[in-house]
Protein backbone atom coordinates (compact mmCIF):
# COMPACT_ATOMS: atom_id res chain seq x y z
CA MET A 1 -37.28 43.37 11.32
CA ARG A 2 -35.20 41.68 8.67
CA ASP A 3 -35.34 43.06 5.16
CA GLY A 4 -36.62 39.78 3.59
CA ARG A 5 -39.61 39.54 5.89
CA ARG A 6 -40.37 43.25 5.54
CA LEU A 7 -40.39 42.98 1.80
CA LEU A 8 -42.72 40.07 1.83
CA LEU A 9 -45.27 41.84 4.11
CA ARG A 10 -45.18 45.06 2.16
CA THR A 11 -45.87 43.26 -1.11
CA ALA A 12 -47.90 40.30 0.04
CA ALA A 13 -50.85 41.41 -2.08
CA ARG A 14 -48.84 41.36 -5.24
CA VAL A 15 -48.14 38.14 -6.96
CA ALA A 16 -44.93 39.43 -8.48
CA ALA A 17 -43.26 39.15 -5.10
CA LEU A 18 -44.39 35.60 -4.59
CA ALA A 19 -43.44 34.69 -8.09
CA ALA A 20 -39.91 35.62 -7.40
CA ALA A 21 -39.85 33.73 -4.07
CA ALA A 22 -42.05 30.58 -4.21
CA PRO A 23 -41.64 27.45 -6.41
CA TYR A 24 -44.32 26.11 -8.74
CA LEU A 25 -45.80 29.51 -9.58
CA PRO A 26 -46.98 29.23 -13.17
CA ALA A 27 -46.73 31.68 -16.04
CA GLN A 28 -50.54 31.97 -16.06
CA ALA A 29 -50.46 33.45 -12.58
CA ARG A 30 -47.78 35.94 -13.44
CA SER A 31 -49.87 37.13 -16.38
CA ALA A 32 -52.85 37.71 -13.97
CA VAL A 33 -50.95 40.13 -11.71
CA SER A 34 -53.08 42.83 -10.28
CA ASP A 35 -53.47 44.74 -7.07
CA ALA A 36 -56.36 42.53 -6.23
CA TYR A 37 -54.68 39.19 -6.84
CA PRO A 38 -56.64 36.89 -4.50
CA PHE A 39 -54.22 33.96 -3.95
CA THR A 40 -51.53 35.57 -1.77
CA LEU A 41 -51.89 32.79 0.84
CA GLY A 42 -50.89 30.13 -1.64
CA VAL A 43 -52.46 26.66 -1.90
CA ALA A 44 -52.14 23.40 -0.03
CA SER A 45 -53.11 19.71 -0.16
CA GLY A 46 -53.39 16.94 2.33
CA ALA A 47 -55.17 13.90 3.77
CA PRO A 48 -54.07 11.63 0.88
CA LEU A 49 -55.99 8.48 0.09
CA PRO A 50 -55.38 6.02 -2.69
CA ASP A 51 -58.03 7.65 -4.80
CA ALA A 52 -58.41 11.18 -3.22
CA ILE A 53 -56.65 14.26 -2.04
CA VAL A 54 -57.92 17.40 -0.30
CA LEU A 55 -57.08 20.80 -1.83
CA TRP A 56 -57.07 24.09 0.03
CA THR A 57 -56.84 27.80 -0.59
CA ARG A 58 -58.13 31.05 0.89
CA LEU A 59 -58.93 34.23 -1.04
CA LEU A 60 -57.33 37.27 0.47
CA PRO A 61 -55.72 40.06 -1.67
CA ASP A 62 -53.84 41.58 1.32
CA PRO A 63 -52.72 39.09 3.95
CA LEU A 64 -52.79 41.68 6.68
CA ASN A 65 -56.22 43.16 5.89
CA ALA A 66 -59.27 40.94 6.11
CA ALA A 67 -61.35 43.69 4.56
CA SER A 68 -59.35 43.44 1.35
CA ILE A 69 -61.96 41.03 -0.04
CA PRO A 70 -65.63 42.02 -0.20
CA PRO A 71 -68.01 40.02 2.09
CA ILE A 72 -69.66 38.13 -0.69
CA ALA A 73 -69.27 34.47 -1.84
CA GLN A 74 -66.94 33.78 -4.76
CA GLN A 75 -66.97 30.79 -7.04
CA LEU A 76 -63.61 29.28 -7.77
CA ARG A 77 -62.56 26.84 -10.45
CA TRP A 78 -60.04 24.14 -9.66
CA GLU A 79 -58.09 21.67 -11.78
CA VAL A 80 -55.99 18.64 -11.10
CA ALA A 81 -53.61 17.55 -13.81
CA HIS A 82 -51.11 14.71 -14.65
CA ASP A 83 -48.54 17.32 -15.69
CA GLU A 84 -47.35 20.72 -14.41
CA ALA A 85 -48.36 22.40 -17.71
CA PHE A 86 -51.99 21.11 -17.27
CA THR A 87 -52.10 19.63 -20.78
CA ARG A 88 -53.68 16.43 -19.37
CA VAL A 89 -56.35 17.42 -16.80
CA ALA A 90 -57.40 14.58 -14.49
CA ALA A 91 -60.25 16.30 -12.67
CA LYS A 92 -61.83 19.73 -12.42
CA GLY A 93 -64.74 21.46 -10.81
CA THR A 94 -65.98 24.48 -8.92
CA ALA A 95 -66.03 25.46 -5.27
CA VAL A 96 -67.65 28.34 -3.35
CA ALA A 97 -65.45 30.51 -1.10
CA ALA A 98 -67.93 31.90 1.36
CA PRO A 99 -67.31 34.84 3.82
CA ALA A 100 -68.61 32.62 6.74
CA LEU A 101 -65.47 30.51 6.24
CA ALA A 102 -63.12 33.47 5.63
CA HIS A 103 -63.36 32.76 1.80
CA SER A 104 -61.50 29.46 2.37
CA VAL A 105 -62.21 26.22 0.52
CA ASN A 106 -61.51 22.56 1.01
CA VAL A 107 -62.08 20.45 -2.08
CA ASP A 108 -62.14 16.60 -1.61
CA VAL A 109 -61.02 15.41 -5.09
CA ARG A 110 -62.09 11.84 -5.67
CA GLY A 111 -61.58 9.29 -8.50
CA LEU A 112 -57.77 9.75 -8.83
CA ALA A 113 -55.30 6.95 -9.51
CA PRO A 114 -53.34 5.58 -6.54
CA GLY A 115 -49.61 6.21 -6.07
CA ARG A 116 -49.54 9.07 -8.56
CA TRP A 117 -48.10 12.60 -8.50
CA TYR A 118 -50.50 15.30 -9.62
CA TRP A 119 -50.47 19.14 -9.99
CA TYR A 120 -53.36 21.34 -8.95
CA ARG A 121 -54.46 25.01 -9.16
CA PHE A 122 -57.40 27.30 -8.41
CA MET A 123 -58.71 30.12 -10.65
CA LEU A 124 -60.95 33.10 -9.93
CA GLY A 125 -61.77 35.15 -13.06
CA ASP A 126 -58.48 35.66 -14.77
CA ALA A 127 -56.36 35.12 -11.66
CA VAL A 128 -54.58 31.80 -11.40
CA SER A 129 -53.21 30.49 -8.15
CA PRO A 130 -49.70 29.13 -7.57
CA VAL A 131 -49.44 25.48 -8.72
CA GLY A 132 -49.04 22.91 -5.99
CA ARG A 133 -47.69 19.35 -6.34
CA THR A 134 -49.47 16.58 -4.60
CA ARG A 135 -49.85 12.78 -4.75
CA THR A 136 -52.23 10.07 -3.77
CA ALA A 137 -51.43 7.19 -1.34
CA PRO A 138 -50.26 3.89 -2.90
CA ALA A 139 -52.84 1.20 -3.73
CA PRO A 140 -54.02 -0.93 -0.83
CA GLY A 141 -51.92 -4.05 -0.63
CA SER A 142 -49.01 -2.64 -2.52
CA MET A 143 -45.48 -2.36 -0.97
CA PRO A 144 -43.75 0.84 -2.05
CA ASP A 145 -39.97 0.81 -2.14
CA MET A 146 -39.66 3.95 -0.06
CA LEU A 147 -41.53 6.80 1.59
CA LYS A 148 -39.80 10.18 2.33
CA LEU A 149 -41.48 11.98 5.06
CA ALA A 150 -40.62 15.47 6.47
CA VAL A 151 -41.80 16.14 10.03
CA ALA A 152 -42.15 19.58 11.49
CA SER A 153 -43.71 21.55 14.34
CA CYS A 154 -43.65 24.81 16.26
CA GLN A 155 -43.20 27.85 14.07
CA HIS A 156 -43.41 30.98 16.12
CA TRP A 157 -43.34 33.84 13.71
CA GLU A 158 -41.41 36.26 15.90
CA PHE A 159 -38.52 33.86 16.72
CA GLY A 160 -36.90 33.43 13.26
CA HIS A 161 -37.30 32.85 9.58
CA TYR A 162 -38.91 29.86 7.97
CA ALA A 163 -35.77 28.77 6.24
CA ALA A 164 -36.44 25.26 7.35
CA HIS A 165 -39.49 25.15 5.11
CA ARG A 166 -37.41 26.15 2.14
CA HIS A 167 -35.28 23.12 2.86
CA ILE A 168 -38.34 20.89 3.30
CA ALA A 169 -39.50 21.91 -0.19
CA GLN A 170 -36.09 21.27 -1.66
CA ALA A 171 -35.98 17.81 -0.07
CA ALA A 172 -38.99 16.92 -2.35
CA PRO A 173 -40.72 14.65 0.21
CA ASP A 174 -43.66 12.38 -0.61
CA LEU A 175 -45.47 13.68 2.47
CA VAL A 176 -45.06 16.25 5.23
CA ALA A 177 -46.37 15.69 8.79
CA PHE A 178 -46.94 18.74 10.81
CA LEU A 179 -47.41 17.98 14.48
CA GLY A 180 -48.70 21.17 16.00
CA ASP A 181 -48.18 24.86 16.84
CA TYR A 182 -48.76 25.92 13.27
CA ILE A 183 -49.38 29.36 14.73
CA TYR A 184 -48.79 30.88 18.11
CA GLU A 185 -51.71 32.75 19.60
CA TRP A 186 -49.60 35.74 20.72
CA GLY A 187 -46.89 38.00 19.33
CA PRO A 188 -46.50 41.30 17.59
CA TYR A 189 -46.42 41.59 13.77
CA SER A 190 -42.74 42.59 13.79
CA LEU A 191 -39.88 40.07 13.76
CA GLN A 192 -37.75 40.39 16.84
CA HIS A 193 -34.88 38.57 18.47
CA PRO A 194 -36.35 35.91 20.80
CA ALA A 195 -34.96 37.82 23.79
CA GLY A 196 -37.04 40.81 22.88
CA ALA A 197 -40.34 39.01 22.11
CA ARG A 198 -43.15 39.67 24.60
CA ARG A 199 -46.52 38.05 25.02
CA VAL A 200 -48.66 40.80 23.57
CA ASP A 201 -51.37 41.09 20.85
CA GLU A 202 -52.91 37.78 21.90
CA SER A 203 -55.68 36.18 19.82
CA PHE A 204 -59.12 35.62 21.51
CA THR A 205 -61.63 36.15 18.71
CA LEU A 206 -62.23 34.46 15.37
CA ALA A 207 -61.12 37.54 13.48
CA GLN A 208 -57.86 37.56 15.44
CA TYR A 209 -57.05 33.92 14.85
CA ARG A 210 -57.82 34.33 11.14
CA ALA A 211 -55.51 37.27 11.02
CA ARG A 212 -52.73 35.17 12.69
CA TYR A 213 -53.09 32.39 10.11
CA ALA A 214 -53.04 34.86 7.21
CA GLN A 215 -49.80 36.45 8.65
CA TYR A 216 -48.09 33.03 8.85
CA LYS A 217 -49.33 31.80 5.61
CA SER A 218 -48.01 34.90 3.82
CA ASP A 219 -44.56 33.51 4.17
CA ALA A 220 -43.16 32.35 0.85
CA ASN A 221 -41.05 29.47 2.34
CA LEU A 222 -44.09 28.06 4.25
CA GLN A 223 -46.06 28.24 1.05
CA ALA A 224 -43.27 26.43 -0.78
CA ALA A 225 -43.41 23.52 1.62
CA HIS A 226 -47.19 23.27 1.16
CA HIS A 227 -46.74 23.50 -2.70
CA ALA A 228 -44.22 20.66 -2.78
CA ALA A 229 -46.19 17.77 -1.20
CA PRO A 230 -49.41 16.83 0.60
CA TRP A 231 -49.53 17.35 4.41
CA LEU A 232 -50.88 15.39 7.35
CA VAL A 233 -51.65 17.85 10.12
CA THR A 234 -52.68 17.90 13.78
CA TRP A 235 -52.69 20.67 16.34
CA ASP A 236 -51.23 21.27 19.77
CA ASP A 237 -51.90 24.01 22.27
CA HIS A 238 -50.83 27.31 20.62
CA GLU A 239 -53.47 27.03 17.92
CA VAL A 240 -55.68 27.99 20.90
CA ALA A 241 -53.87 28.97 24.05
CA ASN A 242 -50.70 27.85 25.88
CA ASP A 243 -51.05 24.56 27.73
CA TYR A 244 -54.87 24.55 27.61
CA SER A 245 -57.05 21.54 28.40
CA PRO A 246 -60.51 21.13 26.86
CA THR A 247 -62.25 23.13 29.64
CA ARG A 248 -59.74 25.65 30.82
CA ASP A 249 -56.77 27.85 29.93
CA GLU A 250 -54.00 29.16 32.14
CA LEU A 251 -56.09 32.13 33.25
CA LEU A 252 -59.22 30.13 33.98
CA SER A 253 -61.03 32.53 31.75
CA PRO A 254 -64.90 32.23 32.16
CA ASP A 255 -65.39 32.61 28.36
CA PHE A 256 -62.69 30.12 27.40
CA ALA A 257 -65.17 27.83 25.54
CA GLN A 258 -66.00 30.71 23.10
CA ARG A 259 -62.24 31.39 22.51
CA ARG A 260 -61.54 27.68 21.93
CA GLU A 261 -64.32 27.29 19.38
CA ALA A 262 -63.21 30.42 17.51
CA ALA A 263 -59.64 29.04 17.38
CA TYR A 264 -60.94 25.57 16.18
CA GLN A 265 -62.89 27.17 13.46
CA ALA A 266 -59.96 29.21 12.21
CA TYR A 267 -57.77 26.11 12.18
CA PHE A 268 -60.17 24.15 10.03
CA GLU A 269 -60.44 27.21 7.65
CA HIS A 270 -56.73 27.12 7.06
CA GLN A 271 -55.70 23.44 6.72
CA PRO A 272 -56.30 20.83 3.93
CA LEU A 273 -58.61 18.59 6.01
CA ARG A 274 -61.44 16.20 5.10
CA THR A 275 -63.12 16.09 8.48
CA GLN A 276 -63.17 18.12 11.70
CA ARG A 277 -62.06 14.99 13.65
CA LEU A 278 -58.31 15.26 13.61
CA TYR A 279 -57.44 11.74 14.74
CA GLN A 280 -57.45 9.69 11.60
CA ARG A 281 -55.65 6.71 9.92
CA TYR A 282 -53.78 6.99 6.67
CA ASP A 283 -52.36 3.89 4.93
CA TRP A 284 -49.34 4.09 2.61
CA GLY A 285 -49.95 0.81 0.96
CA GLN A 286 -48.53 -2.06 3.06
CA LEU A 287 -45.40 -0.03 3.89
CA ALA A 288 -46.91 2.18 6.72
CA ARG A 289 -50.01 3.01 8.53
CA PHE A 290 -50.17 6.60 10.06
CA HIS A 291 -52.10 6.88 13.30
CA VAL A 292 -52.46 10.70 13.54
CA LEU A 293 -53.52 11.58 17.07
CA ASP A 294 -55.19 14.55 18.87
CA THR A 295 -53.62 14.80 22.33
CA ARG A 296 -55.26 18.19 23.09
CA ARG A 297 -58.98 18.19 22.49
CA TYR A 298 -60.07 15.18 24.70
CA ARG A 299 -57.38 15.07 27.48
CA SER A 300 -58.10 15.27 31.14
CA VAL A 301 -57.29 18.44 33.03
CA HIS A 302 -53.71 18.77 34.07
CA ALA A 303 -52.71 17.04 37.22
CA CYS A 304 -52.08 18.91 40.56
CA GLN A 305 -52.73 22.38 39.24
CA ALA A 306 -51.80 25.25 41.52
CA ALA A 307 -54.84 27.03 43.15
CA GLY A 308 -56.24 29.75 41.03
CA ARG A 309 -54.63 28.95 37.71
CA GLY A 310 -54.81 26.41 34.84
CA GLY A 311 -52.27 25.08 32.53
CA SER A 312 -49.13 23.02 33.29
CA SER A 313 -46.58 22.86 36.12
CA SER A 314 -43.70 20.65 37.20
CA VAL A 315 -44.51 18.40 40.17
CA HIS A 316 -42.86 15.56 42.05
CA ARG A 317 -44.43 12.19 41.59
CA SER A 318 -44.44 11.55 45.34
CA ALA A 319 -46.50 14.73 45.83
CA CYS A 320 -48.94 14.19 42.99
CA ALA A 321 -50.86 10.92 43.05
CA ALA A 322 -52.96 12.09 39.99
CA LEU A 323 -49.96 11.53 37.73
CA ALA A 324 -50.63 7.79 37.95
CA ASP A 325 -54.42 7.99 38.15
CA PRO A 326 -55.81 5.39 35.67
CA ARG A 327 -58.94 7.50 35.17
CA ARG A 328 -56.97 10.27 33.54
CA SER A 329 -56.37 10.23 29.81
CA MET A 330 -54.30 12.04 27.21
CA LEU A 331 -56.52 10.96 24.34
CA GLY A 332 -59.93 10.45 25.83
CA GLY A 333 -61.53 6.99 26.08
CA GLU A 334 -62.94 6.84 22.55
CA GLN A 335 -59.64 7.83 20.89
CA GLU A 336 -57.70 5.44 23.06
CA ALA A 337 -60.00 2.55 21.94
CA TRP A 338 -59.82 3.58 18.33
CA LEU A 339 -55.96 3.66 18.44
CA ALA A 340 -55.71 0.32 20.22
CA GLN A 341 -58.03 -1.28 17.61
CA GLY A 342 -56.07 0.28 14.74
CA LEU A 343 -52.78 -1.02 16.00
CA LYS A 344 -54.23 -4.48 16.60
CA GLU A 345 -55.67 -4.72 13.17
CA SER A 346 -52.81 -3.18 11.22
CA THR A 347 -50.97 -5.33 8.68
CA ALA A 348 -48.51 -2.51 7.72
CA ARG A 349 -44.80 -3.06 7.94
CA TRP A 350 -44.40 0.21 10.06
CA ASN A 351 -46.95 1.72 12.42
CA ILE A 352 -46.30 5.45 12.67
CA ILE A 353 -47.87 7.24 15.56
CA ALA A 354 -47.84 10.89 14.65
CA GLN A 355 -48.66 12.99 17.69
CA GLN A 356 -47.81 16.19 19.44
CA THR A 357 -45.36 15.89 22.43
CA LEU A 358 -42.51 13.83 23.89
CA MET A 359 -43.74 10.35 24.83
CA ALA A 360 -40.50 9.24 26.56
CA GLN A 361 -40.10 9.85 30.30
CA MET A 362 -38.14 13.00 31.06
CA SER A 363 -37.74 13.58 34.75
CA GLN A 364 -36.28 17.00 35.55
CA VAL A 365 -34.37 15.73 38.50
CA PRO A 366 -32.53 12.36 39.12
CA PRO A 367 -35.26 9.82 40.20
CA ALA A 368 -34.77 8.46 43.67
CA ASN A 369 -34.43 4.60 43.20
CA GLY A 370 -36.54 4.99 40.06
CA LYS A 371 -39.52 5.83 42.18
CA ASP A 372 -39.79 9.59 42.30
CA GLY A 373 -38.81 12.44 39.92
CA ARG A 374 -40.18 15.70 38.88
CA PHE A 375 -42.40 15.84 35.80
CA TRP A 376 -43.90 18.51 33.45
CA THR A 377 -47.62 17.90 33.50
CA ASP A 378 -48.55 19.00 29.96
CA GLY A 379 -46.79 16.13 28.32
CA TRP A 380 -47.13 12.41 28.56
CA ASP A 381 -45.28 12.48 31.89
CA GLY A 382 -48.40 14.17 33.21
CA TYR A 383 -50.52 11.21 32.06
CA GLN A 384 -48.43 8.20 33.08
CA ALA A 385 -51.19 5.55 33.41
CA ALA A 386 -52.48 6.58 29.93
CA ARG A 387 -48.96 6.24 28.52
CA ALA A 388 -48.67 2.74 30.05
CA ARG A 389 -51.91 1.69 28.37
CA LEU A 390 -50.54 3.04 25.06
CA MET A 391 -47.34 0.89 25.58
CA ASP A 392 -49.63 -2.08 26.02
CA ALA A 393 -51.50 -1.31 22.88
CA MET A 394 -48.29 -0.99 20.84
CA ARG A 395 -46.89 -4.42 22.00
CA GLY A 396 -48.66 -6.37 19.33
CA ALA A 397 -48.10 -3.93 16.53
CA ARG A 398 -45.34 -4.35 14.06
CA ASN A 399 -42.60 -1.79 14.08
CA PRO A 400 -44.25 1.01 16.08
CA LEU A 401 -42.48 4.42 15.55
CA VAL A 402 -43.60 7.43 17.50
CA LEU A 403 -43.05 10.90 15.99
CA SER A 404 -43.36 13.88 18.30
CA GLY A 405 -42.87 17.67 18.53
CA ASP A 406 -43.79 20.43 20.97
CA VAL A 407 -40.66 20.53 23.15
CA HIS A 408 -38.47 22.38 20.67
CA THR A 409 -35.73 19.64 20.96
CA PHE A 410 -34.39 16.85 18.95
CA PHE A 411 -34.76 13.63 21.01
CA ALA A 412 -34.17 10.04 19.95
CA ALA A 413 -35.64 7.65 22.56
CA GLU A 414 -36.52 3.99 23.21
CA LEU A 415 -39.93 3.43 24.89
CA ARG A 416 -40.49 0.73 27.42
CA ARG A 417 -43.49 -0.15 29.70
CA ASP A 418 -41.38 0.92 32.71
CA PRO A 419 -39.61 4.02 31.57
CA ALA A 420 -37.42 4.21 34.64
CA ARG A 421 -35.62 0.95 33.78
CA ALA A 422 -33.26 0.48 30.88
CA ASP A 423 -32.82 -3.19 31.34
CA SER A 424 -34.61 -5.63 28.97
CA ALA A 425 -35.49 -8.34 31.51
CA GLY A 426 -39.29 -8.27 31.45
CA ASN A 427 -39.13 -4.68 30.20
CA PRO A 428 -38.26 -4.76 26.52
CA VAL A 429 -38.08 -1.80 24.13
CA ILE A 430 -41.59 -1.59 22.66
CA ALA A 431 -41.19 1.34 20.21
CA THR A 432 -38.72 3.92 19.03
CA GLU A 433 -39.45 7.68 19.26
CA PHE A 434 -38.15 10.52 17.28
CA CYS A 435 -39.01 13.97 18.54
CA GLY A 436 -38.31 16.90 16.28
CA THR A 437 -37.10 20.37 17.24
CA SER A 438 -39.00 23.51 16.23
CA ILE A 439 -39.05 25.36 12.96
CA THR A 440 -38.30 28.60 14.80
CA SER A 441 -39.42 28.45 18.51
CA SER A 442 -36.70 28.73 21.10
CA SER A 443 -35.73 26.12 23.66
CA ARG A 444 -33.66 25.51 26.81
CA PRO A 445 -29.83 25.62 27.01
CA GLN A 446 -28.17 22.45 25.62
CA ALA A 447 -26.38 21.80 28.92
CA ARG A 448 -29.73 21.29 30.59
CA THR A 449 -30.98 19.04 27.77
CA GLN A 450 -27.90 16.88 28.24
CA GLN A 451 -28.68 16.57 31.91
CA TYR A 452 -32.11 15.29 31.01
CA VAL A 453 -30.57 12.74 28.64
CA ASP A 454 -28.13 11.61 31.33
CA MET A 455 -30.89 11.23 33.98
CA ASN A 456 -33.48 9.41 31.92
CA PRO A 457 -32.54 5.99 30.51
CA GLY A 458 -35.02 6.02 27.64
CA LEU A 459 -33.53 9.20 26.15
CA ARG A 460 -30.65 8.25 23.87
CA PHE A 461 -29.97 11.63 22.24
CA GLY A 462 -31.04 15.22 22.78
CA ARG A 463 -30.22 18.60 21.18
CA SER A 464 -32.14 21.75 22.04
CA ASP A 465 -29.63 24.33 20.64
CA ARG A 466 -30.72 23.96 16.93
CA ARG A 467 -33.85 24.56 15.01
CA GLY A 468 -35.01 22.53 11.95
CA PHE A 469 -37.06 19.50 11.06
CA MET A 470 -36.86 15.62 10.75
CA LEU A 471 -36.51 13.72 7.52
CA LEU A 472 -37.56 10.00 7.55
CA GLU A 473 -36.85 7.54 4.83
CA LEU A 474 -38.98 4.55 5.32
CA ARG A 475 -38.25 1.29 3.44
CA PRO A 476 -39.59 -2.26 3.99
CA ASP A 477 -36.46 -3.34 5.78
CA ARG A 478 -35.49 -0.20 7.77
CA ALA A 479 -36.40 3.29 8.83
CA ALA A 480 -33.71 5.98 8.56
CA MET A 481 -34.13 9.22 10.40
CA ALA A 482 -32.12 12.37 9.95
CA PHE A 483 -32.29 15.33 12.27
CA GLN A 484 -31.95 18.36 9.94
CA ALA A 485 -30.59 21.52 11.65
CA LEU A 486 -30.39 25.06 10.42
CA ASP A 487 -27.17 26.91 10.80
CA GLU A 488 -28.85 30.08 12.05
CA VAL A 489 -32.72 30.41 12.49
CA ARG A 490 -32.53 34.23 12.26
CA ASP A 491 -30.94 34.08 8.78
CA PRO A 492 -33.54 33.73 6.02
CA ARG A 493 -30.78 32.22 3.82
CA SER A 494 -29.63 29.71 6.47
CA GLY A 495 -27.90 26.63 5.35
CA LEU A 496 -28.77 23.08 6.65
CA SER A 497 -26.82 20.16 7.94
CA THR A 498 -27.58 16.71 9.36
CA LEU A 499 -27.11 16.94 13.06
CA ALA A 500 -27.58 13.23 13.76
CA SER A 501 -28.98 10.22 12.04
CA PHE A 502 -30.38 6.86 13.17
CA THR A 503 -31.81 3.62 11.82
CA VAL A 504 -34.37 1.26 13.06
CA ALA A 505 -34.40 -2.25 11.54
CA ASP A 506 -37.61 -4.11 10.57
CA GLY A 507 -38.49 -6.46 13.48
CA ILE A 508 -35.95 -5.10 15.89
CA ALA A 509 -37.27 -2.47 18.42
CA GLY A 510 -34.83 0.20 19.26
CA LEU A 511 -32.52 2.52 17.42
CA ARG A 512 -28.95 2.62 16.13
CA MET A 513 -27.10 5.91 15.74
CA THR A 514 -25.34 6.24 12.42
CA LYS A 515 -24.04 9.77 12.79
């Protein structure tokens, strides 16, 4: 295990270690150092509205020991201020951290001014949390000059360091969108080279999922990214179990429903969320409307599963009629209707669909006359009729942009109603998709990814050999996307470079590569 991560884990209960590593930690917190310092998991904010923001923290003196806090309720104080020194407090109050929710709190702060940066903190006795920076959404009807959005996903603890989050914090975004796999349900507590990582120590109970979140949130770089800006979040599969559907996991476990509900509870205990329905809309003035989706909780069971097992597989279209079955859904009927209505009614300049997995077609073999192909059933390729319905819903929306994660690869793609055809005659580009690589999780060899790009006309760019995040600068007249890649994910001090960049012009579907 690398020295940096070992030091953090050994001293996670002491605020002095975090004070040296994380931004925005105030002098008040440093003066409150003790062995029982309760804010070792940091703070977070999210779900911004023009007049409101959600604040989060969890009390836990030792991140690797749930028993380090007594099983009694604690009353916290919280403050939101116009300045980092808290000389002008905008709002304040109290919140109860109850053992039934792992001593976590979500505070929905209302009555704030639109389009403003704020600073916030929690206090318990003499202990003061790190200070987070957050902001409200712009006023309805306003047209901001720019929105800077960082987009991330897939941060398996054992597969590298969270240097990408350090760079996200340094980029000072207005907003961070995290698109799933915030934790992985398995993995030892030691940091290993990916080749040595084994699927052990898997989470099944509420206590185990809580421990996994505490482990991940002990990381100073992840805390720094939370402290720098508000987040929009959604989940994917590893917050519960690999490639699960709502009713079954890979092992067809008879008690899967109990495992799923334990995982869901732990997720809501550890994210800045206003509601337990993840699919939501967030408007950024007239510049952008975010349609945040949940592609996991309501989906149909995977198509053409092998006998005796659940989860995903790769199947040929000609051998699996269910791939095109119109009764099957990735989002569920209610969410599909909600999304279609939100796209239809939107007056925003850009419609951002923030969701979990690659939407573009990615056949794993060359399609025969565009009619066959082999497809991975956990992604949108496994729900082809549902994807076609979504393409129809996006036709009338202005400037739809799809943001994706899950597949641990940078992809830039153009989405059409018929993904097997690249011509525009009756089959125009409807939307542009940008899919981000992982924060740490490993991927396939680059040579194989290039084969996928060459075989699938919608894929314009693909790189699976680098880890990192996406940085989107959205303006009224254009969207500029940069694929930000770490030099070395196993180096906690890794540098960062722009691997590729693209622009999308207002009113012109499709992308232009600028680097």
